[in-house]
Amino acid sequence: MMKIGEQGLDLIRKHEGLRLKAYICPGGKLTIGYGHTGSDVKAGMTIDNAQADALLLKDVERFEKSVNEMVDVEMTQGMFDALVCFAFNLGAGSLKSSTLLKKLNANDKPGAAEEFLKWNKALGKVLNGLTARREGERALFLA
């Protein structure tokens, strides 16, 4: 079973950003740390950097498990890290139903890499932040 590497964690940290005080994210959820949501997040809550990292590692475990279960082909560390970052942002369900996963499991790794770039919209609008994230994931996938 593969585990996320430091490059994958760095990519998530970079694109999620760090907020040590709870806030409402664009999706309307109470969020803290590196995009952590859940019933444990309360309005007005504050955490420190160590707590933010601990929450990130705990959150990532779920996506590591999903990626390990969904991918049928051998992966490099970069491929795995990119897929965990993708799933962390969009949910494991989005990865599961994606052409990206279908191409990867058909061993079309170059085709799978190109699929990352299609996931750069929110509510039908292209977002620069998502475009940058998908480009970073694609680059890590191909590394």
N, C-alpha and C. Protein backbone atom coordinates (compact mmCIF):
# COMPACT_ATOMS: atom_id res chain seq x y z
N MET A 1 0.85 -1.19 0.00
CA MET A 1 0.00 0.00 0.00
C MET A 1 0.89 1.25 0.00
N MET A 2 0.70 2.09 -1.00
CA MET A 2 1.51 3.30 -1.12
C MET A 2 1.03 4.37 -0.14
N LYS A 3 1.97 5.22 0.28
CA LYS A 3 1.68 6.36 1.14
C LYS A 3 2.16 7.62 0.40
N ILE A 4 1.50 8.74 0.69
CA ILE A 4 1.88 10.00 0.04
C ILE A 4 3.30 10.41 0.47
N GLY A 5 4.04 10.98 -0.46
CA GLY A 5 5.37 11.48 -0.18
C GLY A 5 5.36 12.97 0.13
N GLU A 6 6.51 13.49 0.46
CA GLU A 6 6.62 14.91 0.83
C GLU A 6 6.23 15.82 -0.32
N GLN A 7 6.54 15.44 -1.57
CA GLN A 7 6.17 16.30 -2.72
C GLN A 7 4.65 16.41 -2.84
N GLY A 8 3.95 15.32 -2.59
CA GLY A 8 2.49 15.34 -2.64
C GLY A 8 1.91 16.20 -1.53
N LEU A 9 2.45 16.04 -0.33
CA LEU A 9 1.98 16.87 0.80
C LEU A 9 2.26 18.34 0.53
N ASP A 10 3.43 18.63 -0.02
CA ASP A 10 3.77 20.03 -0.33
C ASP A 10 2.80 20.61 -1.35
N LEU A 11 2.41 19.82 -2.34
CA LEU A 11 1.47 20.29 -3.36
C LEU A 11 0.11 20.59 -2.73
N ILE A 12 -0.35 19.71 -1.86
CA ILE A 12 -1.62 19.96 -1.17
C ILE A 12 -1.52 21.22 -0.31
N ARG A 13 -0.44 21.32 0.48
CA ARG A 13 -0.26 22.51 1.33
C ARG A 13 -0.26 23.79 0.50
N LYS A 14 0.46 23.77 -0.60
CA LYS A 14 0.57 24.96 -1.45
C LYS A 14 -0.80 25.39 -1.97
N HIS A 15 -1.59 24.44 -2.45
CA HIS A 15 -2.85 24.80 -3.10
C HIS A 15 -4.03 24.94 -2.14
N GLU A 16 -3.97 24.29 -1.00
CA GLU A 16 -5.04 24.47 -0.01
C GLU A 16 -4.82 25.76 0.77
N GLY A 17 -3.55 26.10 1.00
CA GLY A 17 -3.24 27.24 1.85
C GLY A 17 -3.48 26.86 3.30
N LEU A 18 -2.90 27.61 4.21
CA LEU A 18 -3.01 27.33 5.64
C LEU A 18 -3.79 28.43 6.33
N ARG A 19 -4.85 28.04 7.01
CA ARG A 19 -5.63 28.98 7.82
C ARG A 19 -5.73 28.39 9.22
N LEU A 20 -5.19 29.10 10.19
CA LEU A 20 -5.15 28.61 11.57
C LEU A 20 -6.40 28.97 12.36
N LYS A 21 -7.29 29.76 11.75
CA LYS A 21 -8.58 30.10 12.38
C LYS A 21 -9.69 29.59 11.45
N ALA A 22 -10.69 28.99 12.04
CA ALA A 22 -11.80 28.43 11.26
C ALA A 22 -12.46 29.51 10.40
N TYR A 23 -12.83 29.13 9.19
CA TYR A 23 -13.47 30.04 8.23
C TYR A 23 -14.46 29.27 7.37
N ILE A 24 -15.30 29.99 6.68
CA ILE A 24 -16.25 29.37 5.74
C ILE A 24 -15.58 29.37 4.36
N CYS A 25 -15.39 28.18 3.80
CA CYS A 25 -14.74 28.06 2.48
C CYS A 25 -15.75 28.42 1.38
N PRO A 26 -15.27 28.59 0.12
CA PRO A 26 -16.18 28.93 -0.98
C PRO A 26 -17.31 27.90 -1.15
N GLY A 27 -17.07 26.68 -0.72
CA GLY A 27 -18.11 25.64 -0.79
C GLY A 27 -19.11 25.71 0.35
N GLY A 28 -18.93 26.71 1.24
CA GLY A 28 -19.89 26.92 2.33
C GLY A 28 -19.63 26.08 3.57
N LYS A 29 -18.48 25.41 3.64
CA LYS A 29 -18.18 24.55 4.79
C LYS A 29 -17.22 25.23 5.76
N LEU A 30 -17.44 24.99 7.05
CA LEU A 30 -16.51 25.45 8.08
C LEU A 30 -15.22 24.66 7.90
N THR A 31 -14.11 25.38 7.76
CA THR A 31 -12.83 24.80 7.36
C THR A 31 -11.71 25.37 8.21
N ILE A 32 -10.65 24.56 8.41
CA ILE A 32 -9.48 25.03 9.17
C ILE A 32 -8.25 24.29 8.65
N GLY A 33 -7.09 24.82 8.94
CA GLY A 33 -5.84 24.16 8.55
C GLY A 33 -5.66 24.15 7.04
N TYR A 34 -5.28 23.00 6.51
CA TYR A 34 -5.11 22.82 5.06
C TYR A 34 -6.37 22.20 4.48
N GLY A 35 -7.47 22.95 4.50
CA GLY A 35 -8.71 22.46 3.90
C GLY A 35 -9.43 21.39 4.70
N HIS A 36 -9.18 21.33 6.01
CA HIS A 36 -9.86 20.32 6.84
C HIS A 36 -11.28 20.76 7.17
N THR A 37 -12.22 19.86 6.92
CA THR A 37 -13.63 20.09 7.27
C THR A 37 -14.09 18.91 8.12
N GLY A 38 -15.19 19.07 8.79
CA GLY A 38 -15.75 17.97 9.58
C GLY A 38 -16.43 18.50 10.82
N SER A 39 -17.07 17.58 11.53
CA SER A 39 -17.85 17.96 12.72
C SER A 39 -16.95 18.47 13.85
N ASP A 40 -15.64 18.20 13.75
CA ASP A 40 -14.70 18.67 14.78
C ASP A 40 -14.32 20.14 14.59
N VAL A 41 -14.68 20.74 13.46
CA VAL A 41 -14.36 22.15 13.20
C VAL A 41 -15.51 23.02 13.72
N LYS A 42 -15.17 23.92 14.63
CA LYS A 42 -16.18 24.78 15.25
C LYS A 42 -15.88 26.25 14.92
N ALA A 43 -16.92 27.07 14.84
CA ALA A 43 -16.76 28.50 14.59
C ALA A 43 -15.86 29.10 15.67
N GLY A 44 -14.93 29.95 15.27
CA GLY A 44 -14.03 30.61 16.20
C GLY A 44 -12.83 29.78 16.62
N MET A 45 -12.79 28.53 16.19
CA MET A 45 -11.71 27.60 16.55
C MET A 45 -10.37 28.07 15.99
N THR A 46 -9.29 27.88 16.75
CA THR A 46 -7.94 28.14 16.24
C THR A 46 -7.06 26.93 16.53
N ILE A 47 -6.08 26.73 15.66
CA ILE A 47 -5.12 25.63 15.83
C ILE A 47 -3.72 26.19 15.54
N ASP A 48 -2.70 25.38 15.80
CA ASP A 48 -1.33 25.80 15.46
C ASP A 48 -0.83 24.98 14.26
N ASN A 49 0.38 25.28 13.81
CA ASN A 49 0.94 24.60 12.63
C ASN A 49 1.01 23.09 12.80
N ALA A 50 1.42 22.64 13.99
CA ALA A 50 1.55 21.20 14.25
C ALA A 50 0.19 20.52 14.15
N GLN A 51 -0.84 21.17 14.68
CA GLN A 51 -2.20 20.60 14.60
C GLN A 51 -2.68 20.57 13.15
N ALA A 52 -2.36 21.62 12.40
CA ALA A 52 -2.75 21.67 10.98
C ALA A 52 -2.10 20.52 10.21
N ASP A 53 -0.82 20.26 10.48
CA ASP A 53 -0.13 19.15 9.81
C ASP A 53 -0.73 17.81 10.22
N ALA A 54 -1.05 17.65 11.50
CA ALA A 54 -1.65 16.39 11.97
C ALA A 54 -3.00 16.15 11.31
N LEU A 55 -3.82 17.19 11.19
CA LEU A 55 -5.12 17.06 10.51
C LEU A 55 -4.92 16.70 9.04
N LEU A 56 -3.94 17.33 8.39
CA LEU A 56 -3.67 17.04 6.98
C LEU A 56 -3.30 15.57 6.81
N LEU A 57 -2.39 15.07 7.63
CA LEU A 57 -1.96 13.67 7.52
C LEU A 57 -3.13 12.71 7.74
N LYS A 58 -3.99 13.04 8.70
CA LYS A 58 -5.16 12.21 8.97
C LYS A 58 -6.13 12.26 7.78
N ASP A 59 -6.38 13.44 7.24
CA ASP A 59 -7.28 13.59 6.10
C ASP A 59 -6.76 12.85 4.87
N VAL A 60 -5.46 12.91 4.66
CA VAL A 60 -4.84 12.30 3.48
C VAL A 60 -4.98 10.77 3.49
N GLU A 61 -4.99 10.18 4.68
CA GLU A 61 -5.08 8.71 4.79
C GLU A 61 -6.26 8.15 4.01
N ARG A 62 -7.40 8.82 4.10
CA ARG A 62 -8.61 8.38 3.41
C ARG A 62 -8.40 8.34 1.89
N PHE A 63 -7.69 9.34 1.37
CA PHE A 63 -7.47 9.43 -0.07
C PHE A 63 -6.36 8.49 -0.53
N GLU A 64 -5.38 8.24 0.33
CA GLU A 64 -4.35 7.23 0.02
C GLU A 64 -5.04 5.88 -0.17
N LYS A 65 -5.93 5.54 0.74
CA LYS A 65 -6.65 4.27 0.68
C LYS A 65 -7.47 4.18 -0.61
N SER A 66 -8.19 5.24 -0.94
CA SER A 66 -9.01 5.25 -2.16
C SER A 66 -8.17 5.06 -3.41
N VAL A 67 -7.07 5.81 -3.51
CA VAL A 67 -6.21 5.71 -4.70
C VAL A 67 -5.62 4.30 -4.79
N ASN A 68 -5.15 3.77 -3.68
CA ASN A 68 -4.61 2.40 -3.68
C ASN A 68 -5.64 1.39 -4.15
N GLU A 69 -6.89 1.57 -3.76
CA GLU A 69 -7.96 0.64 -4.13
C GLU A 69 -8.39 0.79 -5.59
N MET A 70 -8.36 2.00 -6.12
CA MET A 70 -8.89 2.27 -7.46
C MET A 70 -7.92 2.00 -8.60
N VAL A 71 -6.64 2.17 -8.34
CA VAL A 71 -5.66 2.07 -9.42
C VAL A 71 -5.16 0.63 -9.54
N ASP A 72 -5.26 0.11 -10.77
CA ASP A 72 -4.91 -1.29 -11.05
C ASP A 72 -3.51 -1.46 -11.64
N VAL A 73 -2.85 -0.37 -11.97
CA VAL A 73 -1.53 -0.45 -12.61
C VAL A 73 -0.46 0.04 -11.64
N GLU A 74 0.78 -0.31 -11.94
CA GLU A 74 1.89 0.15 -11.11
C GLU A 74 2.05 1.65 -11.27
N MET A 75 2.32 2.32 -10.15
CA MET A 75 2.46 3.79 -10.16
C MET A 75 3.82 4.18 -9.61
N THR A 76 4.31 5.30 -10.10
CA THR A 76 5.48 5.93 -9.48
C THR A 76 4.98 6.70 -8.25
N GLN A 77 5.90 7.12 -7.40
CA GLN A 77 5.53 7.94 -6.24
C GLN A 77 4.86 9.23 -6.71
N GLY A 78 5.39 9.84 -7.77
CA GLY A 78 4.81 11.08 -8.29
C GLY A 78 3.39 10.90 -8.78
N MET A 79 3.13 9.79 -9.45
CA MET A 79 1.77 9.51 -9.93
C MET A 79 0.82 9.37 -8.75
N PHE A 80 1.24 8.60 -7.76
CA PHE A 80 0.40 8.38 -6.58
C PHE A 80 0.12 9.70 -5.86
N ASP A 81 1.18 10.48 -5.64
CA ASP A 81 1.02 11.77 -4.94
C ASP A 81 0.06 12.69 -5.68
N ALA A 82 0.19 12.74 -7.01
CA ALA A 82 -0.68 13.61 -7.82
C ALA A 82 -2.14 13.16 -7.70
N LEU A 83 -2.37 11.87 -7.71
CA LEU A 83 -3.73 11.34 -7.61
C LEU A 83 -4.33 11.60 -6.23
N VAL A 84 -3.52 11.49 -5.18
CA VAL A 84 -4.02 11.78 -3.82
C VAL A 84 -4.37 13.26 -3.70
N CYS A 85 -3.53 14.13 -4.26
CA CYS A 85 -3.79 15.57 -4.24
C CYS A 85 -5.10 15.88 -4.97
N PHE A 86 -5.28 15.26 -6.14
CA PHE A 86 -6.49 15.43 -6.96
C PHE A 86 -7.72 14.99 -6.16
N ALA A 87 -7.65 13.80 -5.56
CA ALA A 87 -8.78 13.27 -4.79
C ALA A 87 -9.05 14.11 -3.54
N PHE A 88 -7.98 14.61 -2.91
CA PHE A 88 -8.13 15.46 -1.73
C PHE A 88 -8.97 16.69 -2.09
N ASN A 89 -8.75 17.24 -3.26
CA ASN A 89 -9.44 18.45 -3.70
C ASN A 89 -10.85 18.17 -4.21
N LEU A 90 -11.02 17.12 -4.98
CA LEU A 90 -12.28 16.88 -5.69
C LEU A 90 -13.12 15.76 -5.11
N GLY A 91 -12.52 14.97 -4.21
CA GLY A 91 -13.22 13.82 -3.66
C GLY A 91 -12.87 12.55 -4.42
N ALA A 92 -12.88 11.44 -3.70
CA ALA A 92 -12.54 10.16 -4.30
C ALA A 92 -13.56 9.76 -5.37
N GLY A 93 -14.80 10.17 -5.20
CA GLY A 93 -15.84 9.84 -6.18
C GLY A 93 -15.56 10.45 -7.54
N SER A 94 -15.03 11.68 -7.55
CA SER A 94 -14.69 12.33 -8.82
C SER A 94 -13.58 11.56 -9.53
N LEU A 95 -12.59 11.12 -8.77
CA LEU A 95 -11.52 10.32 -9.37
C LEU A 95 -12.07 9.00 -9.89
N LYS A 96 -12.90 8.36 -9.09
CA LYS A 96 -13.43 7.03 -9.44
C LYS A 96 -14.19 7.05 -10.78
N SER A 97 -14.94 8.12 -11.02
CA SER A 97 -15.77 8.20 -12.24
C SER A 97 -15.05 8.89 -13.40
N SER A 98 -13.78 9.25 -13.20
CA SER A 98 -13.08 10.07 -14.19
C SER A 98 -12.48 9.27 -15.35
N THR A 99 -12.38 9.94 -16.48
CA THR A 99 -11.65 9.41 -17.63
C THR A 99 -10.17 9.28 -17.28
N LEU A 100 -9.68 10.14 -16.41
CA LEU A 100 -8.30 10.08 -15.95
C LEU A 100 -8.02 8.67 -15.40
N LEU A 101 -8.87 8.18 -14.50
CA LEU A 101 -8.67 6.86 -13.90
C LEU A 101 -8.83 5.76 -14.95
N LYS A 102 -9.83 5.90 -15.81
CA LYS A 102 -10.04 4.88 -16.86
C LYS A 102 -8.80 4.76 -17.74
N LYS A 103 -8.24 5.91 -18.15
CA LYS A 103 -7.03 5.88 -18.99
C LYS A 103 -5.84 5.30 -18.23
N LEU A 104 -5.68 5.69 -16.98
CA LEU A 104 -4.57 5.18 -16.19
C LEU A 104 -4.67 3.66 -16.05
N ASN A 105 -5.86 3.16 -15.71
CA ASN A 105 -6.03 1.72 -15.53
C ASN A 105 -5.93 0.94 -16.84
N ALA A 106 -6.06 1.64 -17.98
CA ALA A 106 -5.84 1.03 -19.30
C ALA A 106 -4.37 1.15 -19.69
N ASN A 107 -3.55 1.64 -18.76
CA ASN A 107 -2.10 1.83 -18.94
C ASN A 107 -1.78 2.93 -19.96
N ASP A 108 -2.71 3.87 -20.16
CA ASP A 108 -2.46 5.04 -21.00
C ASP A 108 -2.05 6.19 -20.08
N LYS A 109 -0.82 6.13 -19.61
CA LYS A 109 -0.35 7.12 -18.64
C LYS A 109 -0.25 8.53 -19.24
N PRO A 110 0.25 8.68 -20.48
CA PRO A 110 0.25 10.03 -21.07
C PRO A 110 -1.17 10.60 -21.23
N GLY A 111 -2.11 9.77 -21.62
CA GLY A 111 -3.50 10.19 -21.76
C GLY A 111 -4.10 10.58 -20.43
N ALA A 112 -3.78 9.79 -19.41
CA ALA A 112 -4.27 10.09 -18.05
C ALA A 112 -3.73 11.44 -17.59
N ALA A 113 -2.45 11.70 -17.85
CA ALA A 113 -1.82 12.97 -17.43
C ALA A 113 -2.56 14.17 -18.02
N GLU A 114 -2.99 14.06 -19.28
CA GLU A 114 -3.69 15.18 -19.92
C GLU A 114 -5.06 15.43 -19.31
N GLU A 115 -5.65 14.42 -18.71
CA GLU A 115 -6.98 14.56 -18.12
C GLU A 115 -7.00 15.50 -16.91
N PHE A 116 -5.88 15.62 -16.20
CA PHE A 116 -5.84 16.52 -15.04
C PHE A 116 -6.31 17.92 -15.42
N LEU A 117 -5.86 18.39 -16.57
CA LEU A 117 -6.09 19.79 -16.97
C LEU A 117 -7.56 20.10 -17.22
N LYS A 118 -8.38 19.08 -17.40
CA LYS A 118 -9.82 19.30 -17.66
C LYS A 118 -10.59 19.65 -16.39
N TRP A 119 -9.98 19.46 -15.23
CA TRP A 119 -10.66 19.63 -13.94
C TRP A 119 -10.32 20.98 -13.32
N ASN A 120 -10.49 22.06 -14.08
CA ASN A 120 -10.08 23.39 -13.61
C ASN A 120 -11.26 24.36 -13.48
N LYS A 121 -12.48 23.82 -13.38
CA LYS A 121 -13.66 24.68 -13.30
C LYS A 121 -14.41 24.47 -12.00
N ALA A 122 -15.02 25.54 -11.52
CA ALA A 122 -15.97 25.48 -10.40
C ALA A 122 -17.22 26.22 -10.85
N LEU A 123 -18.35 25.56 -10.73
CA LEU A 123 -19.63 26.13 -11.18
C LEU A 123 -19.53 26.61 -12.63
N GLY A 124 -18.82 25.82 -13.47
CA GLY A 124 -18.72 26.10 -14.89
C GLY A 124 -17.70 27.16 -15.29
N LYS A 125 -17.05 27.77 -14.33
CA LYS A 125 -16.06 28.82 -14.63
C LYS A 125 -14.64 28.30 -14.40
N VAL A 126 -13.75 28.63 -15.34
CA VAL A 126 -12.34 28.28 -15.17
C VAL A 126 -11.76 29.15 -14.06
N LEU A 127 -11.10 28.54 -13.10
CA LEU A 127 -10.46 29.27 -12.01
C LEU A 127 -8.95 29.13 -12.12
N ASN A 128 -8.25 30.25 -12.03
CA ASN A 128 -6.79 30.24 -12.14
C ASN A 128 -6.14 29.34 -11.10
N GLY A 129 -6.67 29.36 -9.89
CA GLY A 129 -6.12 28.54 -8.82
C GLY A 129 -6.23 27.05 -9.13
N LEU A 130 -7.38 26.65 -9.70
CA LEU A 130 -7.57 25.24 -10.07
C LEU A 130 -6.70 24.87 -11.26
N THR A 131 -6.56 25.80 -12.20
CA THR A 131 -5.69 25.55 -13.35
C THR A 131 -4.26 25.31 -12.87
N ALA A 132 -3.78 26.15 -11.96
CA ALA A 132 -2.42 26.00 -11.42
C ALA A 132 -2.28 24.68 -10.65
N ARG A 133 -3.30 24.33 -9.88
CA ARG A 133 -3.25 23.08 -9.11
C ARG A 133 -3.19 21.88 -10.05
N ARG A 134 -4.04 21.87 -11.08
CA ARG A 134 -4.05 20.75 -12.02
C ARG A 134 -2.73 20.65 -12.79
N GLU A 135 -2.14 21.80 -13.14
CA GLU A 135 -0.84 21.78 -13.82
C GLU A 135 0.23 21.21 -12.90
N GLY A 136 0.17 21.55 -11.60
CA GLY A 136 1.11 21.02 -10.62
C GLY A 136 0.94 19.52 -10.44
N GLU A 137 -0.31 19.06 -10.39
CA GLU A 137 -0.58 17.63 -10.27
C GLU A 137 -0.10 16.88 -11.50
N ARG A 138 -0.37 17.44 -12.67
CA ARG A 138 0.06 16.80 -13.93
C ARG A 138 1.58 16.68 -13.97
N ALA A 139 2.28 17.75 -13.59
CA ALA A 139 3.75 17.75 -13.60
C ALA A 139 4.29 16.69 -12.63
N LEU A 140 3.69 16.58 -11.45
CA LEU A 140 4.12 15.60 -10.47
C LEU A 140 3.82 14.18 -10.98
N PHE A 141 2.67 14.01 -11.60
CA PHE A 141 2.26 12.72 -12.18
C PHE A 141 3.29 12.26 -13.22
N LEU A 142 3.78 13.19 -14.01
CA LEU A 142 4.73 12.86 -15.09
C LEU A 142 6.18 12.81 -14.62
N ALA A 143 6.46 13.29 -13.41
CA ALA A 143 7.85 13.37 -12.91
C ALA A 143 8.49 12.00 -12.79
